[in-house]
Structure formats: C-alpha cells, structure tokens
Protein backbone atom coordinates (compact mmCIF):
# COMPACT_ATOMS: atom_id res chain seq x y z
CA MET A 1 -30.33 33.91 38.94
CA ALA A 2 -33.48 33.34 39.83
CA PHE A 3 -33.86 35.17 43.09
CA GLU A 4 -32.20 38.29 41.73
CA GLY A 5 -35.30 40.72 42.72
CA LEU A 6 -35.87 38.80 45.73
CA ALA A 7 -31.98 38.77 47.03
CA ASP A 8 -31.96 42.67 45.90
CA ARG A 9 -35.05 43.16 48.27
CA LEU A 10 -33.74 41.16 51.26
CA GLN A 11 -30.19 42.16 51.29
CA ASN A 12 -31.25 45.94 51.24
CA THR A 13 -33.68 45.11 54.05
CA ILE A 14 -31.21 43.14 56.08
CA GLN A 15 -28.54 45.50 55.57
CA ARG A 16 -30.31 48.08 57.69
CA ILE A 17 -30.20 45.68 60.86
CA ARG A 18 -26.88 44.38 60.27
CA GLY A 19 -24.38 46.51 62.08
CA LYS A 20 -27.14 47.54 65.35
CA GLY A 21 -25.98 47.12 68.41
CA LYS A 22 -29.92 47.03 69.76
CA VAL A 23 -33.02 45.75 67.96
CA THR A 24 -36.00 46.88 68.79
CA GLU A 25 -39.29 45.21 68.21
CA GLU A 26 -40.18 48.08 65.98
CA ASP A 27 -36.99 47.37 64.09
CA VAL A 28 -37.72 43.79 63.61
CA ALA A 29 -41.81 44.49 62.71
CA GLU A 30 -40.23 46.90 60.12
CA MET A 31 -37.74 44.39 58.49
CA MET A 32 -40.48 42.16 58.61
CA ARG A 33 -42.85 44.03 56.58
CA GLU A 34 -40.52 44.58 53.83
CA VAL A 35 -39.45 40.73 53.90
CA ARG A 36 -43.01 39.78 53.79
CA LEU A 37 -43.50 42.03 50.46
CA ALA A 38 -40.08 40.58 48.78
CA LEU A 39 -41.64 37.06 49.34
CA LEU A 40 -45.25 37.88 47.76
CA GLU A 41 -43.26 39.97 45.03
CA ALA A 42 -41.27 36.54 44.31
CA ASP A 43 -44.47 34.86 43.45
CA VAL A 44 -43.95 32.75 47.15
CA ASN A 45 -47.11 31.21 48.27
CA PHE A 46 -49.23 33.32 50.86
CA LYS A 47 -49.62 31.14 53.65
CA VAL A 48 -46.20 30.11 53.20
CA VAL A 49 -44.98 33.97 53.37
CA LYS A 50 -47.36 34.28 56.86
CA ASP A 51 -46.28 31.32 58.38
CA PHE A 52 -42.31 32.41 57.62
CA VAL A 53 -42.95 35.82 58.65
CA LYS A 54 -44.65 34.57 61.87
CA ARG A 55 -41.77 32.41 62.95
CA VAL A 56 -39.16 35.04 61.89
CA LYS A 57 -41.16 37.40 64.12
CA GLU A 58 -41.33 35.25 67.08
CA ARG A 59 -37.28 34.07 67.28
CA ALA A 60 -36.33 37.54 66.28
CA VAL A 61 -37.89 39.54 69.18
CA GLY A 62 -36.89 36.32 71.42
CA GLN A 63 -34.11 35.68 74.36
CA GLU A 64 -31.54 34.28 71.72
CA VAL A 65 -31.50 37.92 70.03
CA MET A 66 -32.04 40.57 72.36
CA LYS A 67 -29.60 39.05 74.29
CA SER A 68 -26.78 38.48 72.31
CA LEU A 69 -23.43 40.60 71.37
CA THR A 70 -24.62 41.77 68.12
CA PRO A 71 -28.48 41.38 67.80
CA GLY A 72 -28.31 42.87 64.42
CA GLN A 73 -26.48 39.87 63.23
CA GLN A 74 -28.13 37.35 65.46
CA VAL A 75 -31.43 38.75 63.60
CA ILE A 76 -30.02 37.94 60.02
CA LYS A 77 -28.83 34.64 61.50
CA VAL A 78 -32.31 33.47 62.22
CA VAL A 79 -33.77 34.51 58.86
CA GLN A 80 -31.26 32.36 57.23
CA GLU A 81 -32.15 29.68 59.32
CA GLU A 82 -35.55 29.84 58.95
CA LEU A 83 -35.28 30.56 54.81
CA THR A 84 -32.99 27.04 54.54
CA GLU A 85 -35.96 25.20 56.51
CA LEU A 86 -38.73 26.81 54.35
CA MET A 87 -36.83 25.02 51.15
CA GLY A 88 -36.27 21.87 53.19
CA GLY A 89 -33.58 22.46 55.79
CA HIS A 90 -31.07 20.09 54.45
CA GLN A 91 -29.85 18.42 50.90
CA SER A 92 -32.29 15.34 50.14
CA LYS A 93 -29.88 12.99 48.35
CA ILE A 94 -31.27 10.63 45.37
CA ALA A 95 -32.04 7.20 46.56
CA VAL A 96 -30.01 3.94 45.70
CA SER A 97 -31.50 0.92 45.52
CA ASN A 98 -30.32 -2.37 47.58
CA ARG A 99 -31.15 -4.46 44.91
CA PRO A 100 -29.59 -2.34 41.99
CA PRO A 101 -31.04 -0.99 39.49
CA THR A 102 -32.50 1.78 41.16
CA VAL A 103 -35.62 2.79 39.02
CA VAL A 104 -36.21 6.57 38.64
CA MET A 105 -39.81 7.75 37.26
CA MET A 106 -39.36 11.47 35.47
CA VAL A 107 -42.82 12.87 34.90
CA GLY A 108 -44.24 16.58 34.17
CA LEU A 109 -46.24 18.35 32.08
CA GLN A 110 -45.04 19.47 28.42
CA GLY A 111 -42.19 21.90 28.38
CA ALA A 112 -41.01 21.60 31.67
CA GLY A 113 -38.13 20.33 29.92
CA LYS A 114 -38.63 16.86 31.50
CA THR A 115 -36.79 14.84 28.61
CA THR A 116 -33.49 17.40 28.61
CA THR A 117 -33.61 16.79 32.45
CA THR A 118 -33.50 13.34 32.22
CA GLY A 119 -30.62 13.28 30.12
CA LYS A 120 -28.95 16.08 32.61
CA LEU A 121 -29.52 13.92 35.58
CA SER A 122 -27.86 11.06 34.13
CA ASN A 123 -24.81 12.55 33.21
CA LEU A 124 -24.49 14.25 36.96
CA LEU A 125 -25.16 10.39 37.95
CA ARG A 126 -22.41 9.17 35.79
CA LYS A 127 -19.88 12.38 36.53
CA LYS A 128 -20.36 13.11 40.33
CA TYR A 129 -21.48 9.61 41.49
CA ASN A 130 -19.96 7.50 38.98
CA ARG A 131 -22.99 5.14 38.34
CA ASN A 132 -23.72 3.50 35.51
CA PRO A 133 -27.33 4.66 34.05
CA LEU A 134 -29.59 3.50 31.08
CA LEU A 135 -32.01 5.95 29.84
CA VAL A 136 -35.53 4.48 28.96
CA ALA A 137 -37.52 6.25 26.25
CA ALA A 138 -41.32 5.67 27.48
CA ASP A 139 -42.40 8.74 25.99
CA ILE A 140 -44.53 7.70 22.67
CA TYR A 141 -47.34 10.16 22.24
CA ARG A 142 -44.72 13.57 21.78
CA PRO A 143 -43.40 13.69 18.30
CA ALA A 144 -39.56 13.30 18.29
CA ALA A 145 -39.50 12.67 21.81
CA ILE A 146 -37.61 9.23 21.65
CA LYS A 147 -35.26 10.84 18.97
CA GLN A 148 -34.70 13.75 21.12
CA LEU A 149 -33.77 11.18 23.95
CA GLU A 150 -31.81 9.10 21.47
CA THR A 151 -29.65 12.38 20.60
CA LEU A 152 -29.13 13.38 24.52
CA GLY A 153 -27.75 9.65 24.94
CA LYS A 154 -25.47 9.88 21.97
CA GLN A 155 -23.80 13.46 23.41
CA LEU A 156 -23.48 11.97 26.67
CA ASN A 157 -22.39 8.60 25.67
CA ILE A 158 -25.22 7.01 27.74
CA PRO A 159 -27.03 4.14 26.29
CA VAL A 160 -30.85 4.58 25.51
CA PHE A 161 -33.30 1.83 25.38
CA SER A 162 -36.45 2.36 23.04
CA LEU A 163 -38.67 -0.17 21.58
CA GLY A 164 -40.08 2.79 19.10
CA ASP A 165 -43.75 4.27 19.42
CA GLN A 166 -45.80 1.49 18.65
CA VAL A 167 -44.99 -0.25 21.86
CA SER A 168 -46.84 0.77 25.16
CA PRO A 169 -44.83 2.54 27.99
CA ILE A 170 -45.61 -0.14 30.36
CA GLU A 171 -44.18 -2.74 28.38
CA ILE A 172 -41.20 -0.54 27.26
CA ALA A 173 -40.45 -0.26 31.01
CA LYS A 174 -40.85 -3.46 32.05
CA GLN A 175 -38.03 -4.45 29.01
CA ALA A 176 -36.00 -1.59 30.03
CA ILE A 177 -35.50 -2.82 33.64
CA SER A 178 -34.40 -6.51 32.72
CA LYS A 179 -32.13 -4.88 29.85
CA ALA A 180 -30.63 -3.10 32.94
CA LYS A 181 -30.42 -6.11 35.18
CA GLU A 182 -28.53 -7.92 32.29
CA GLU A 183 -26.22 -5.28 31.46
CA HIS A 184 -25.62 -4.48 35.13
CA HIS A 185 -26.49 -0.93 35.00
CA ASP A 186 -27.08 0.60 38.24
CA TYR A 187 -29.71 3.54 37.48
CA VAL A 188 -32.86 3.37 35.29
CA LEU A 189 -34.34 6.79 34.07
CA ILE A 190 -37.63 6.42 32.76
CA ASP A 191 -38.49 9.30 30.78
CA THR A 192 -42.26 8.90 30.64
CA ALA A 193 -45.20 10.92 28.64
CA GLY A 194 -45.65 14.53 29.29
CA ARG A 195 -49.01 16.30 28.57
CA LEU A 196 -50.38 19.98 28.46
CA HIS A 197 -52.25 19.90 31.46
CA ILE A 198 -52.99 16.87 33.91
CA ASP A 199 -55.48 14.50 32.35
CA GLU A 200 -56.88 11.09 33.29
CA ALA A 201 -55.46 8.65 30.87
CA LEU A 202 -51.61 10.60 31.65
CA MET A 203 -52.15 9.37 35.00
CA GLU A 204 -53.48 5.89 34.57
CA GLU A 205 -50.48 5.30 32.45
CA LEU A 206 -48.33 7.01 35.19
CA LYS A 207 -49.95 4.77 37.83
CA GLN A 208 -49.13 1.57 35.77
CA ILE A 209 -45.96 2.11 35.12
CA LYS A 210 -45.35 3.10 38.60
CA GLU A 211 -47.11 -0.14 39.78
CA LEU A 212 -45.28 -2.56 37.74
CA THR A 213 -41.68 -0.74 38.02
CA ASN A 214 -41.80 0.01 41.71
CA PRO A 215 -39.64 2.80 41.52
CA ASP A 216 -37.12 4.20 44.46
CA GLU A 217 -37.86 7.68 43.08
CA ILE A 218 -40.45 9.53 41.14
CA PHE A 219 -39.35 13.10 40.34
CA LEU A 220 -41.81 15.80 39.44
CA VAL A 221 -39.73 18.19 36.68
CA VAL A 222 -41.37 21.53 37.18
CA ASP A 223 -40.54 24.75 35.50
CA ALA A 224 -39.32 27.40 37.81
CA MET A 225 -40.91 30.25 35.63
CA THR A 226 -44.09 29.20 36.11
CA GLY A 227 -44.36 30.51 39.26
CA GLN A 228 -47.70 29.64 41.65
CA ASP A 229 -48.56 27.21 38.73
CA ALA A 230 -45.44 24.88 39.71
CA VAL A 231 -46.97 24.34 43.38
CA ASN A 232 -50.39 23.50 41.94
CA VAL A 233 -49.23 21.11 39.54
CA ALA A 234 -46.89 19.50 42.15
CA GLN A 235 -49.89 19.04 44.54
CA SER A 236 -52.14 17.21 41.89
CA PHE A 237 -49.38 14.93 40.89
CA ASN A 238 -48.12 14.09 44.09
CA GLU A 239 -51.87 13.36 45.44
CA GLN A 240 -52.38 10.61 42.28
CA LEU A 241 -48.45 9.30 42.41
CA GLY A 242 -47.18 9.73 45.74
CA LEU A 243 -43.97 12.06 44.29
CA THR A 244 -40.50 11.46 46.28
CA GLY A 245 -39.00 14.68 44.87
CA ALA A 246 -38.84 17.71 42.63
CA VAL A 247 -36.53 18.48 39.69
CA LEU A 248 -36.84 22.63 39.42
CA THR A 249 -35.79 23.69 36.10
CA LYS A 250 -35.13 27.34 34.57
CA LEU A 251 -34.00 28.65 37.70
CA ASP A 252 -31.11 30.62 36.03
CA GLY A 253 -33.93 32.40 33.93
CA ASP A 254 -35.30 35.50 34.57
CA THR A 255 -37.86 34.87 36.82
CA ARG A 256 -39.32 35.26 40.76
CA GLY A 257 -37.98 31.66 41.90
CA GLY A 258 -41.00 31.43 44.68
CA ALA A 259 -41.87 28.04 43.70
CA ALA A 260 -38.64 26.93 44.76
CA LEU A 261 -39.64 28.40 47.89
CA SER A 262 -43.01 27.30 48.34
CA ILE A 263 -42.92 23.64 46.79
CA LYS A 264 -41.49 22.28 49.84
CA ALA A 265 -43.77 23.97 52.32
CA VAL A 266 -46.94 23.41 50.55
CA THR A 267 -46.70 19.83 49.24
CA ASN A 268 -44.03 18.48 51.54
CA ILE A 269 -42.30 17.22 48.46
CA PRO A 270 -38.11 18.14 48.68
CA ILE A 271 -36.25 19.79 45.60
CA LYS A 272 -33.58 17.43 44.71
CA PHE A 273 -31.94 19.06 41.98
CA VAL A 274 -31.78 22.39 39.98
CA GLY A 275 -31.39 23.27 36.60
CA MET A 276 -29.21 26.30 36.33
CA GLY A 277 -28.61 26.58 32.76
CA GLU A 278 -29.34 24.87 29.20
CA LYS A 279 -25.85 22.82 28.95
CA LEU A 280 -25.89 19.48 29.48
CA ASP A 281 -23.84 19.82 32.46
CA GLN A 282 -26.04 22.72 34.40
CA LEU A 283 -27.90 20.47 36.74
CA GLU A 284 -26.95 20.70 40.31
CA ASP A 285 -27.66 18.99 43.52
CA PHE A 286 -29.99 21.19 45.58
CA HIS A 287 -28.93 22.35 49.06
CA PRO A 288 -31.59 24.65 50.93
CA GLU A 289 -28.79 26.13 53.14
CA ARG A 290 -26.54 27.45 50.13
CA MET A 291 -29.69 28.54 48.30
CA ALA A 292 -30.55 30.56 51.45
CA SER A 293 -26.85 31.84 51.35
CA ARG A 294 -27.24 32.89 48.08
CA ILE A 295 -30.42 34.85 48.22
CA LEU A 296 -29.08 36.65 51.29
CA GLY A 297 -26.05 37.73 49.58
CA MET A 298 -23.76 35.35 51.32
CA GLY A 299 -22.37 34.03 48.72
CA ASP A 300 -22.18 30.14 48.18
CA VAL A 301 -18.46 29.07 48.48
CA LEU A 302 -19.09 25.46 48.85
CA THR A 303 -20.58 24.92 45.38
CA LEU A 304 -17.61 27.10 44.02
CA ILE A 305 -15.41 24.81 45.90
CA GLU A 306 -16.95 21.65 44.61
CA LYS A 307 -16.98 23.31 40.73
CA ALA A 308 -13.34 23.76 41.03
CA GLN A 309 -12.56 20.74 42.55
CA ALA A 310 -14.11 18.62 39.55
CA SER A 311 -12.49 20.94 37.18
CA VAL A 312 -8.94 21.28 38.47
CA ASP A 313 -6.27 18.58 37.91
CA GLU A 314 -4.46 18.44 41.41
CA GLN A 315 -1.16 17.24 40.14
CA LYS A 316 -1.46 20.02 37.27
CA ALA A 317 -2.30 22.75 39.99
CA LYS A 318 1.28 21.54 41.91
CA GLU A 319 3.12 21.53 38.79
CA LEU A 320 1.74 25.19 38.15
CA GLU A 321 2.45 26.46 41.60
CA GLU A 322 6.32 25.35 40.93
CA LYS A 323 6.40 27.11 37.59
CA MET A 324 5.06 30.28 39.07
CA ARG A 325 7.59 30.03 42.15
CA THR A 326 10.80 29.58 39.02
CA MET A 327 8.66 32.09 37.19
CA SER A 328 8.55 29.58 34.19
CA PHE A 329 4.93 30.05 33.63
CA THR A 330 4.08 30.23 29.93
CA PHE A 331 1.41 31.08 27.45
CA ASP A 332 0.49 27.22 27.06
CA ASP A 333 0.07 27.48 30.87
CA PHE A 334 -2.02 30.54 30.57
CA LEU A 335 -4.63 28.46 28.12
CA GLU A 336 -4.60 25.48 30.44
CA GLN A 337 -5.77 27.56 33.21
CA LEU A 338 -8.49 29.23 30.76
CA ALA A 339 -9.80 26.17 29.91
CA GLN A 340 -10.05 24.87 33.34
CA VAL A 341 -12.07 27.83 34.58
CA LYS A 342 -14.57 28.02 31.88
CA SER A 343 -15.29 24.47 32.41
CA MET A 344 -16.29 25.37 35.80
CA GLY A 345 -19.57 27.16 34.03
CA PRO A 346 -20.36 30.81 33.08
CA LEU A 347 -17.86 33.35 34.69
CA ASP A 348 -20.70 35.52 36.02
CA GLU A 349 -22.50 32.55 37.97
CA LEU A 350 -19.07 31.57 39.44
CA LEU A 351 -18.58 35.38 40.13
CA GLY A 352 -22.44 35.35 42.00
CA MET A 353 -21.15 32.56 44.56
CA LEU A 354 -18.19 35.41 45.75
CA PRO A 355 -19.94 36.33 49.36
CA GLY A 356 -21.26 39.82 49.16
CA ALA A 357 -20.45 40.19 45.57
CA GLY A 358 -24.04 41.67 44.78
CA LYS A 359 -22.48 44.54 46.55
CA ILE A 360 -19.16 44.84 45.05
CA LYS A 361 -19.49 48.04 42.83
CA GLY A 362 -19.39 47.43 39.35
CA LEU A 363 -19.28 43.52 39.93
CA LYS A 364 -23.20 43.38 39.71
CA ASP A 365 -23.96 44.44 36.72
CA LEU A 366 -20.90 42.70 35.28
CA LYS A 367 -21.74 40.54 32.13
CA VAL A 368 -18.57 38.46 31.45
CA ASP A 369 -18.28 38.06 27.55
CA GLU A 370 -17.18 34.66 27.01
CA LYS A 371 -16.28 35.76 23.51
CA GLN A 372 -13.94 37.35 24.85
CA LEU A 373 -11.71 34.43 26.37
CA SER A 374 -12.39 32.59 23.14
CA HIS A 375 -10.50 35.65 21.36
CA VAL A 376 -7.46 35.28 23.50
CA GLU A 377 -7.72 31.76 23.14
CA ALA A 378 -7.45 32.48 19.45
CA ILE A 379 -4.49 34.75 19.82
CA ILE A 380 -2.29 32.53 21.79
CA GLN A 381 -3.28 29.34 19.27
CA SER A 382 -1.70 31.47 16.53
CA MET A 383 1.49 31.80 18.75
CA THR A 384 4.52 29.54 17.84
CA LYS A 385 5.52 27.32 20.28
CA GLN A 386 8.96 29.58 20.82
CA GLU A 387 6.82 32.73 21.35
CA LYS A 388 4.36 31.06 23.60
CA ILE A 389 7.05 30.13 25.74
CA ASN A 390 9.16 33.14 25.44
CA PRO A 391 6.94 36.24 24.33
CA GLU A 392 9.81 38.69 24.38
CA ILE A 393 10.58 37.65 20.97
CA ILE A 394 7.32 38.65 19.18
CA ASN A 395 8.08 41.78 17.10
CA GLY A 396 6.31 44.07 14.93
CA SER A 397 6.16 41.33 11.84
CA ARG A 398 5.58 38.74 14.38
CA LYS A 399 2.49 40.32 15.83
CA LYS A 400 1.01 41.10 12.25
CA ARG A 401 1.15 37.00 11.96
CA ILE A 402 -0.42 36.46 15.07
CA ALA A 403 -3.19 38.80 14.38
CA LYS A 404 -3.94 37.83 10.95
CA GLY A 405 -4.11 34.11 12.03
CA SER A 406 -6.77 34.88 14.94
CA GLY A 407 -8.18 36.90 12.76
CA ARG A 408 -7.99 39.67 15.75
CA SER A 409 -6.44 43.32 15.79
CA VAL A 410 -2.85 43.90 16.58
CA GLN A 411 -4.09 46.40 19.18
CA GLU A 412 -5.55 43.22 20.69
CA VAL A 413 -2.47 41.18 20.40
CA ASN A 414 -0.65 43.95 22.27
CA ARG A 415 -2.95 44.41 24.90
CA LEU A 416 -2.70 40.46 25.96
CA LEU A 417 1.00 40.61 25.83
CA LYS A 418 0.72 43.58 28.12
CA GLN A 419 -1.51 41.78 30.35
CA PHE A 420 0.42 38.62 30.50
CA GLU A 421 3.65 40.55 31.13
CA ASP A 422 1.89 42.55 34.13
CA MET A 423 -0.01 39.11 35.17
CA LYS A 424 3.92 37.70 35.61
CA LYS A 425 5.11 40.67 37.68
CA MET A 426 2.21 40.30 39.73
CA MET A 427 2.92 36.69 40.57
CA LYS A 428 6.85 37.67 41.05
CA GLN A 429 5.43 39.60 44.05
CA PHE A 430 3.28 37.32 45.44
CA SER A 431 6.16 34.52 44.81
CA ASN A 432 8.59 36.73 46.81
CA MET A 433 5.85 37.43 49.55
CA ASN A 434 5.17 33.85 49.95
CA MET A 435 8.94 33.18 50.61
CA LYS A 436 9.19 35.57 53.18
CA GLY A 437 6.21 33.80 54.63
CA LYS A 438 3.87 36.54 54.42
CA LYS A 439 1.01 34.79 52.02
CA LYS A 440 0.44 31.43 51.86
CA GLY A 441 -1.85 29.64 49.69
CA PHE A 442 -1.54 31.81 46.42
CA LYS A 443 -4.19 31.17 43.77
CA LEU A 444 -3.97 32.76 40.01
CA PRO A 445 -4.71 36.22 39.79
CA PHE A 446 -7.44 35.29 37.41
CA MET A 447 -8.89 31.97 39.13
C-alpha cells in the first residue's frame, strides 16, 4: 500500500499512547513530533502538516481528551478524525446529471495513466452503479492513444466513440454527446489529450471542450508516485479549468502517498477515486475515513465486506453452508470458493484490510503467491468427477496420474489431500459447535 512507511511510523507512535490511563501535554507533544516527522517523510505538503499538527494538539490537550475514561484511545480518535478531515472528511460521489448523459472530462499529464483510468472508470460505473457508459477517444496527438482506448473498450465490452486522429477533439466531443443521446448512454467519458508538461495550447483546447460540452465533472488523473508535483499539477489545472475531482493512480505502488493527503487540503479538490492496481477492476471509490483507518492500522472492514458482497453469490453461500453441515463439501465446492476469493482481488491486499493485520507476526510481510492457488486449481482439475466427490479413493497410481496431468509433484498432490482432509475435520468441529449454539455465523477457514 502507498502509505506503508507512514502507516508503520504512525502506528508505532500511537501504540505508545494507546493504553495510557493518563495523558500529559508532554505525551501529546512527543507524539505530535513523531507524527509531524512521519507526515513530512511521506511527502505531505509542509503547510498541511503544520496545520494538521496544530489542530490535533489543540484537541488532544483539550477537555474532550483529558476528562475521558480512556485518554490514550481518545487521542487516537482525534488523530483519526483529523486525518479523515484532511483527506476530505467524507466520500465525494460522482455527479449524476438530471438530463442524461452525464459528461465527464478526463484530464491530466502524459504518463499519469489517464486512458487506462478512463477505461477503469467506465467499468466501475457499469459494474457497481449499473450505468451504460460511452468512451470517447479525443486524444488525437499521442500515437496509439485511440487504439489503446479501443482495445480497453473491447476488453470491457464497452463502446468507444472515435473519429480518428484527423478530426478536432472539440468536434469529436460534440458528436460523441449526440451519439450518446441517440443510443441512451447515461455517461460519456471523454479521454482528452495529455502533455508532458502544462502548456497553453493544451489548456486552450481543454477550455474549448469544456465550453462546448458543459461537463458535469472534470477529473484530473494524477500519478500518486509523483508526490508534491501532483499537488502543483492539480493547482495549475484547477486554476484554468475548475476541476471537480481528482483520481489518484498507482496508490498501490511503492510510494510515500503524501499527494493523497495534500491534494484536498491545498486545492480543495475532492479525491473521488483511487487506482489500487493495474487490473481493469482495480479502481475504487475514495473513502477518506476508510483510508484513515487503514493508515492507522485499524483495517478497512467495510471495503472488505463490499468486495465480498460483489464477489459472493448469496444462493451459493447458503448451499455451501448446508454442505458443511451435512459434510458433503467436495473439491468442486473448494474450487468454486477459491474462484470467489480470487475475484475479490490480491490476497495480501485483502489481508491488509483486516484490523491490526500489520501487527500480526508473520502477516505483515506475507506475500501471498497467487501461483500456488493456480497449482491447487490445476491439481483439482486433473481429478475425475468421482475423485473430487470422494477423495478417499485416490490411491498411489491415481496420485501419479493427477500429478502428471497437472504438471505438479506427487508430494504436492499428497499435501493438498491432507489439507482438504484437515479442513473437513475442522468444519465438522465448527458444525458441531454450531449445533450446540456455541458459535454462530461460521465462515470457511480460508475465507
């Protein structure tokens, strides 16, 4: 995660104050020195840090903390609230026009990932918000920009409007909106041209597109890895175009993440979406309070639940519960569960959303090897239908055949069979406990 260094520093700092029954002004001052250093190292704007530290200090030595029963926890609550406020306070949702289509202009410098982000946003709008978007290829200057958007459209099965690279972007945008009205698209996402740096000709063109299309949103796509430069770029674009939101890309990279903490405070532009990976479904709504919780090591259970709800079929979940109770859980069910877990995203990212995950020994540096899951799938897929239902029949010669068919070793086949057997025993124990009413809401051990 982008905030890894910052998160470690802040979590270690607040850990020292967490359990204190009495918090002195000196305790708060020492903690805020550490917080200040951590934020500056994460490349957060100096003025933003100064104001943040001042606000936390004032509240942390005030009545609400000193008179509370758990002052240590109260200080942490103050830090969390102020961190949330710094990033915008609450989620800023994408606009919806009263007279469709809703027009969104995507702007930014070259290399920020604007075209890919435009594709990702269309995917999110369709999957999560049940919208019918139209992508518009209005970058006629960068070689292959139109082709790139068309390829993304094909992959996502979302239509792309293009008039080639010999028609002006203003004309392309104008005709695209007419087309969207004709074909009842409720969102139009215009992928505009980027530049290596901000120049007058680019800005003039963007202003003309804005004037003609009267967009409901103008999103600046910013590379989170550019640090303070991201804030400067946001300021320049905002002064000339009047931005309505920012989309931060590469927030999963090895970056200090300070841009995310500075953009809203410096420019007053809300961060609306964040890119958490390269895959086309790895764009998320930005929730300041959830990000603050992640940074402070409190996890992000709400996002985890949302991912699970989007990936898990409720009817199948009920059937699975029944199979666990009756002990008829098979390797086919195991495969299905594996596919659902994988569709929620990278496993190490999911584990990072669990509260306190960073403090669990061994979990912090755990790198889940997705290849291992593919190996497990290959082994199961090499079994016959009968073997998947009744693994007890798998003898030595069958194991050799399965190993050969999956390209894995007999040892790996043995290991999987043993793990599956252990898991079924564990299910039986949980199932018995459920029957006695001691444990409710059991979930799969690998979920």
